[in-house]
Protein backbone atom coordinates (compact mmCIF):
# COMPACT_ATOMS: atom_id res chain seq x y z
CA UNK A 1 0.00 0.00 0.00
CA UNK A 2 1.30 3.43 -0.89
CA UNK A 3 1.98 5.99 1.79
CA UNK A 4 2.32 9.74 1.43
CA UNK A 5 4.39 12.18 3.42
CA UNK A 6 3.10 15.70 2.96
CA UNK A 7 3.37 19.33 4.01
CA UNK A 8 0.31 21.52 4.46
CA UNK A 9 0.15 25.21 5.19
CA UNK A 10 -2.33 28.00 5.79
CA UNK A 11 -3.23 30.75 3.34
CA UNK A 12 -0.53 33.03 4.78
CA UNK A 13 2.16 30.32 4.74
CA UNK A 14 2.86 31.02 8.40
CA UNK A 15 2.25 27.48 9.69
CA UNK A 16 3.69 24.31 8.18
CA UNK A 17 2.60 20.84 9.23
CA UNK A 18 4.23 17.53 8.25
CA UNK A 19 1.95 14.52 8.00
CA UNK A 20 1.67 10.98 6.71
CA UNK A 21 -1.35 9.40 5.04
CA UNK A 22 -2.56 6.57 2.83
CA UNK A 23 -5.19 8.79 1.14
CA UNK A 24 -4.23 12.42 0.53
CA UNK A 25 -7.67 13.47 -0.70
CA UNK A 26 -9.42 12.17 2.43
CA UNK A 27 -6.77 13.74 4.62
CA UNK A 28 -7.14 17.12 2.94
CA UNK A 29 -10.93 16.87 3.18
CA UNK A 30 -10.48 16.32 6.94
CA UNK A 31 -8.25 19.39 7.25
CA UNK A 32 -10.85 21.50 5.44
CA UNK A 33 -13.74 20.27 7.57
CA UNK A 34 -11.86 20.47 10.86
CA UNK A 35 -13.33 23.20 13.04
CA UNK A 36 -11.20 26.10 14.24
CA UNK A 37 -10.22 24.31 17.42
CA UNK A 38 -6.51 25.04 17.28
CA UNK A 39 -6.17 27.89 14.83
CA UNK A 40 -8.13 30.92 13.74
CA UNK A 41 -9.59 31.01 10.21
CA UNK A 42 -6.40 32.51 8.76
CA UNK A 43 -4.29 29.70 10.12
CA UNK A 44 -6.33 26.72 8.99
CA UNK A 45 -4.05 24.22 7.31
CA UNK A 46 -5.89 23.74 4.02
CA UNK A 47 -3.17 23.96 1.33
CA UNK A 48 -1.25 20.87 0.31
CA UNK A 49 2.05 22.31 -0.92
CA UNK A 50 4.30 19.24 -1.00
CA UNK A 51 3.99 15.47 -0.95
CA UNK A 52 6.03 12.36 -1.62
CA UNK A 53 4.63 8.95 -2.54
CA UNK A 54 6.44 6.06 -0.87
CA UNK A 55 6.04 2.31 -1.40
CA UNK A 56 6.32 1.09 2.17
CA UNK A 57 5.28 2.19 5.61
CA UNK A 58 8.83 1.93 6.95
CA UNK A 59 10.15 4.24 4.20
CA UNK A 60 7.31 6.68 4.88
CA UNK A 61 8.00 6.69 8.62
CA UNK A 62 11.71 7.33 8.02
CA UNK A 63 10.99 10.18 5.61
CA UNK A 64 8.32 11.64 7.91
CA UNK A 65 10.78 11.57 10.82
CA UNK A 66 13.48 13.25 8.74
CA UNK A 67 11.24 16.03 7.37
CA UNK A 68 9.76 16.61 10.83
CA UNK A 69 13.24 17.49 12.09
CA UNK A 70 13.83 20.01 9.28
CA UNK A 71 14.05 23.68 10.14
CA UNK A 72 11.52 26.06 8.62
CA UNK A 73 14.14 27.15 6.05
CA UNK A 74 14.80 23.53 5.03
CA UNK A 75 11.06 22.87 4.62
CA UNK A 76 10.68 26.05 2.54
CA UNK A 77 13.55 24.93 0.29
CA UNK A 78 12.00 21.47 -0.10
CA UNK A 79 8.66 22.98 -1.12
CA UNK A 80 10.15 25.58 -3.48
CA UNK A 81 12.18 22.90 -5.29
CA UNK A 82 8.96 21.35 -6.65
CA UNK A 83 6.28 23.98 -6.03
CA UNK A 84 7.88 27.43 -6.30
CA UNK A 85 4.54 29.29 -6.12
CA UNK A 86 3.16 27.24 -3.22
CA UNK A 87 0.11 26.26 -5.27
CA UNK A 88 -2.46 24.02 -3.57
CA UNK A 89 -1.72 20.59 -5.07
CA UNK A 90 -5.09 19.06 -4.14
CA UNK A 91 -6.60 20.63 -7.27
CA UNK A 92 -4.26 18.55 -9.45
CA UNK A 93 -4.82 15.41 -7.39
CA UNK A 94 -8.58 15.84 -7.63
CA UNK A 95 -8.34 16.28 -11.42
CA UNK A 96 -6.10 13.20 -11.69
CA UNK A 97 -8.63 11.21 -9.66
CA UNK A 98 -11.44 12.31 -11.99
CA UNK A 99 -9.42 11.23 -15.03
CA UNK A 100 -8.62 7.87 -13.47
CA UNK A 101 -12.17 7.03 -12.37
CA UNK A 102 -14.03 8.81 -15.14
CA UNK A 103 -16.58 11.55 -14.80
CA UNK A 104 -19.75 10.25 -13.21
CA UNK A 105 -22.73 11.96 -14.78
CA UNK A 106 -26.00 11.48 -12.97
CA UNK A 107 -29.22 11.37 -14.98
CA UNK A 108 -31.28 14.58 -14.85
CA UNK A 109 -34.12 12.79 -13.05
CA UNK A 110 -31.75 11.77 -10.24
CA UNK A 111 -30.59 15.37 -9.83
CA UNK A 112 -34.14 16.62 -9.35
CA UNK A 113 -35.03 14.18 -6.59
C-alpha atoms as a PDB file:
ATOM      1  CA  UNK A   1       0.000   0.000   0.000  1.00  0.00           C
ATOM      2  CA  UNK A   2       1.301   3.431  -0.889  1.00  0.00           C
ATOM      3  CA  UNK A   3       1.979   5.991   1.790  1.00  0.00           C
ATOM      4  CA  UNK A   4       2.324   9.735   1.433  1.00  0.00           C
ATOM      5  CA  UNK A   5       4.393  12.176   3.417  1.00  0.00           C
ATOM      6  CA  UNK A   6       3.100  15.703   2.959  1.00  0.00           C
ATOM      7  CA  UNK A   7       3.372  19.326   4.007  1.00  0.00           C
ATOM      8  CA  UNK A   8       0.308  21.519   4.458  1.00  0.00           C
ATOM      9  CA  UNK A   9       0.153  25.215   5.189  1.00  0.00           C
ATOM     10  CA  UNK A  10      -2.329  27.996   5.791  1.00  0.00           C
ATOM     11  CA  UNK A  11      -3.227  30.748   3.336  1.00  0.00           C
ATOM     12  CA  UNK A  12      -0.531  33.031   4.784  1.00  0.00           C
ATOM     13  CA  UNK A  13       2.162  30.316   4.740  1.00  0.00           C
ATOM     14  CA  UNK A  14       2.856  31.025   8.397  1.00  0.00           C
ATOM     15  CA  UNK A  15       2.247  27.482   9.686  1.00  0.00           C
ATOM     16  CA  UNK A  16       3.686  24.306   8.178  1.00  0.00           C
ATOM     17  CA  UNK A  17       2.599  20.841   9.226  1.00  0.00           C
ATOM     18  CA  UNK A  18       4.227  17.529   8.250  1.00  0.00           C
ATOM     19  CA  UNK A  19       1.951  14.522   7.999  1.00  0.00           C
ATOM     20  CA  UNK A  20       1.674  10.984   6.706  1.00  0.00           C
ATOM     21  CA  UNK A  21      -1.351   9.401   5.041  1.00  0.00           C
ATOM     22  CA  UNK A  22      -2.557   6.570   2.829  1.00  0.00           C
ATOM     23  CA  UNK A  23      -5.187   8.787   1.142  1.00  0.00           C
ATOM     24  CA  UNK A  24      -4.235  12.420   0.532  1.00  0.00           C
ATOM     25  CA  UNK A  25      -7.671  13.474  -0.698  1.00  0.00           C
ATOM     26  CA  UNK A  26      -9.424  12.167   2.432  1.00  0.00           C
ATOM     27  CA  UNK A  27      -6.765  13.741   4.619  1.00  0.00           C
ATOM     28  CA  UNK A  28      -7.142  17.116   2.945  1.00  0.00           C
ATOM     29  CA  UNK A  29     -10.931  16.871   3.184  1.00  0.00           C
ATOM     30  CA  UNK A  30     -10.476  16.319   6.938  1.00  0.00           C
ATOM     31  CA  UNK A  31      -8.245  19.393   7.247  1.00  0.00           C
ATOM     32  CA  UNK A  32     -10.854  21.504   5.440  1.00  0.00           C
ATOM     33  CA  UNK A  33     -13.736  20.269   7.575  1.00  0.00           C
ATOM     34  CA  UNK A  34     -11.857  20.471  10.857  1.00  0.00           C
ATOM     35  CA  UNK A  35     -13.329  23.202  13.040  1.00  0.00           C
ATOM     36  CA  UNK A  36     -11.202  26.098  14.235  1.00  0.00           C
ATOM     37  CA  UNK A  37     -10.222  24.313  17.419  1.00  0.00           C
ATOM     38  CA  UNK A  38      -6.514  25.038  17.282  1.00  0.00           C
ATOM     39  CA  UNK A  39      -6.167  27.885  14.827  1.00  0.00           C
ATOM     40  CA  UNK A  40      -8.134  30.917  13.745  1.00  0.00           C
ATOM     41  CA  UNK A  41      -9.585  31.015  10.211  1.00  0.00           C
ATOM     42  CA  UNK A  42      -6.403  32.509   8.758  1.00  0.00           C
ATOM     43  CA  UNK A  43      -4.285  29.700  10.123  1.00  0.00           C
ATOM     44  CA  UNK A  44      -6.334  26.724   8.991  1.00  0.00           C
ATOM     45  CA  UNK A  45      -4.046  24.223   7.309  1.00  0.00           C
ATOM     46  CA  UNK A  46      -5.886  23.735   4.017  1.00  0.00           C
ATOM     47  CA  UNK A  47      -3.175  23.961   1.334  1.00  0.00           C
ATOM     48  CA  UNK A  48      -1.250  20.870   0.306  1.00  0.00           C
ATOM     49  CA  UNK A  49       2.048  22.313  -0.923  1.00  0.00           C
ATOM     50  CA  UNK A  50       4.296  19.239  -0.998  1.00  0.00           C
ATOM     51  CA  UNK A  51       3.993  15.465  -0.953  1.00  0.00           C
ATOM     52  CA  UNK A  52       6.025  12.356  -1.616  1.00  0.00           C
ATOM     53  CA  UNK A  53       4.630   8.947  -2.539  1.00  0.00           C
ATOM     54  CA  UNK A  54       6.443   6.059  -0.865  1.00  0.00           C
ATOM     55  CA  UNK A  55       6.036   2.310  -1.400  1.00  0.00           C
ATOM     56  CA  UNK A  56       6.317   1.093   2.174  1.00  0.00           C
ATOM     57  CA  UNK A  57       5.276   2.192   5.612  1.00  0.00           C
ATOM     58  CA  UNK A  58       8.830   1.926   6.955  1.00  0.00           C
ATOM     59  CA  UNK A  59      10.146   4.238   4.202  1.00  0.00           C
ATOM     60  CA  UNK A  60       7.310   6.677   4.879  1.00  0.00           C
ATOM     61  CA  UNK A  61       8.001   6.693   8.623  1.00  0.00           C
ATOM     62  CA  UNK A  62      11.708   7.332   8.020  1.00  0.00           C
ATOM     63  CA  UNK A  63      10.985  10.176   5.607  1.00  0.00           C
ATOM     64  CA  UNK A  64       8.319  11.638   7.912  1.00  0.00           C
ATOM     65  CA  UNK A  65      10.779  11.575  10.820  1.00  0.00           C
ATOM     66  CA  UNK A  66      13.475  13.251   8.741  1.00  0.00           C
ATOM     67  CA  UNK A  67      11.241  16.035   7.371  1.00  0.00           C
ATOM     68  CA  UNK A  68       9.761  16.612  10.833  1.00  0.00           C
ATOM     69  CA  UNK A  69      13.240  17.491  12.089  1.00  0.00           C
ATOM     70  CA  UNK A  70      13.828  20.010   9.280  1.00  0.00           C
ATOM     71  CA  UNK A  71      14.045  23.682  10.143  1.00  0.00           C
ATOM     72  CA  UNK A  72      11.523  26.056   8.618  1.00  0.00           C
ATOM     73  CA  UNK A  73      14.144  27.155   6.053  1.00  0.00           C
ATOM     74  CA  UNK A  74      14.796  23.533   5.026  1.00  0.00           C
ATOM     75  CA  UNK A  75      11.057  22.868   4.617  1.00  0.00           C
ATOM     76  CA  UNK A  76      10.682  26.049   2.540  1.00  0.00           C
ATOM     77  CA  UNK A  77      13.551  24.931   0.295  1.00  0.00           C
ATOM     78  CA  UNK A  78      11.999  21.466  -0.104  1.00  0.00           C
ATOM     79  CA  UNK A  79       8.657  22.978  -1.121  1.00  0.00           C
ATOM     80  CA  UNK A  80      10.151  25.576  -3.476  1.00  0.00           C
ATOM     81  CA  UNK A  81      12.183  22.897  -5.292  1.00  0.00           C
ATOM     82  CA  UNK A  82       8.957  21.352  -6.648  1.00  0.00           C
ATOM     83  CA  UNK A  83       6.275  23.985  -6.026  1.00  0.00           C
ATOM     84  CA  UNK A  84       7.877  27.431  -6.297  1.00  0.00           C
ATOM     85  CA  UNK A  85       4.541  29.286  -6.117  1.00  0.00           C
ATOM     86  CA  UNK A  86       3.164  27.244  -3.217  1.00  0.00           C
ATOM     87  CA  UNK A  87       0.108  26.260  -5.274  1.00  0.00           C
ATOM     88  CA  UNK A  88      -2.464  24.022  -3.575  1.00  0.00           C
ATOM     89  CA  UNK A  89      -1.723  20.588  -5.069  1.00  0.00           C
ATOM     90  CA  UNK A  90      -5.089  19.059  -4.141  1.00  0.00           C
ATOM     91  CA  UNK A  91      -6.603  20.628  -7.270  1.00  0.00           C
ATOM     92  CA  UNK A  92      -4.263  18.548  -9.451  1.00  0.00           C
ATOM     93  CA  UNK A  93      -4.822  15.411  -7.392  1.00  0.00           C
ATOM     94  CA  UNK A  94      -8.581  15.837  -7.632  1.00  0.00           C
ATOM     95  CA  UNK A  95      -8.341  16.281 -11.416  1.00  0.00           C
ATOM     96  CA  UNK A  96      -6.103  13.198 -11.692  1.00  0.00           C
ATOM     97  CA  UNK A  97      -8.629  11.213  -9.662  1.00  0.00           C
ATOM     98  CA  UNK A  98     -11.442  12.306 -11.989  1.00  0.00           C
ATOM     99  CA  UNK A  99      -9.417  11.230 -15.031  1.00  0.00           C
ATOM    100  CA  UNK A 100      -8.620   7.866 -13.467  1.00  0.00           C
ATOM    101  CA  UNK A 101     -12.166   7.029 -12.365  1.00  0.00           C
ATOM    102  CA  UNK A 102     -14.031   8.810 -15.141  1.00  0.00           C
ATOM    103  CA  UNK A 103     -16.580  11.551 -14.804  1.00  0.00           C
ATOM    104  CA  UNK A 104     -19.746  10.253 -13.206  1.00  0.00           C
ATOM    105  CA  UNK A 105     -22.726  11.957 -14.780  1.00  0.00           C
ATOM    106  CA  UNK A 106     -26.005  11.478 -12.974  1.00  0.00           C
ATOM    107  CA  UNK A 107     -29.221  11.367 -14.978  1.00  0.00           C
ATOM    108  CA  UNK A 108     -31.278  14.584 -14.849  1.00  0.00           C
ATOM    109  CA  UNK A 109     -34.120  12.794 -13.049  1.00  0.00           C
ATOM    110  CA  UNK A 110     -31.752  11.770 -10.239  1.00  0.00           C
ATOM    111  CA  UNK A 111     -30.589  15.375  -9.831  1.00  0.00           C
ATOM    112  CA  UNK A 112     -34.144  16.623  -9.351  1.00  0.00           C
ATOM    113  CA  UNK A 113     -35.026  14.178  -6.593  1.00  0.00           C
END
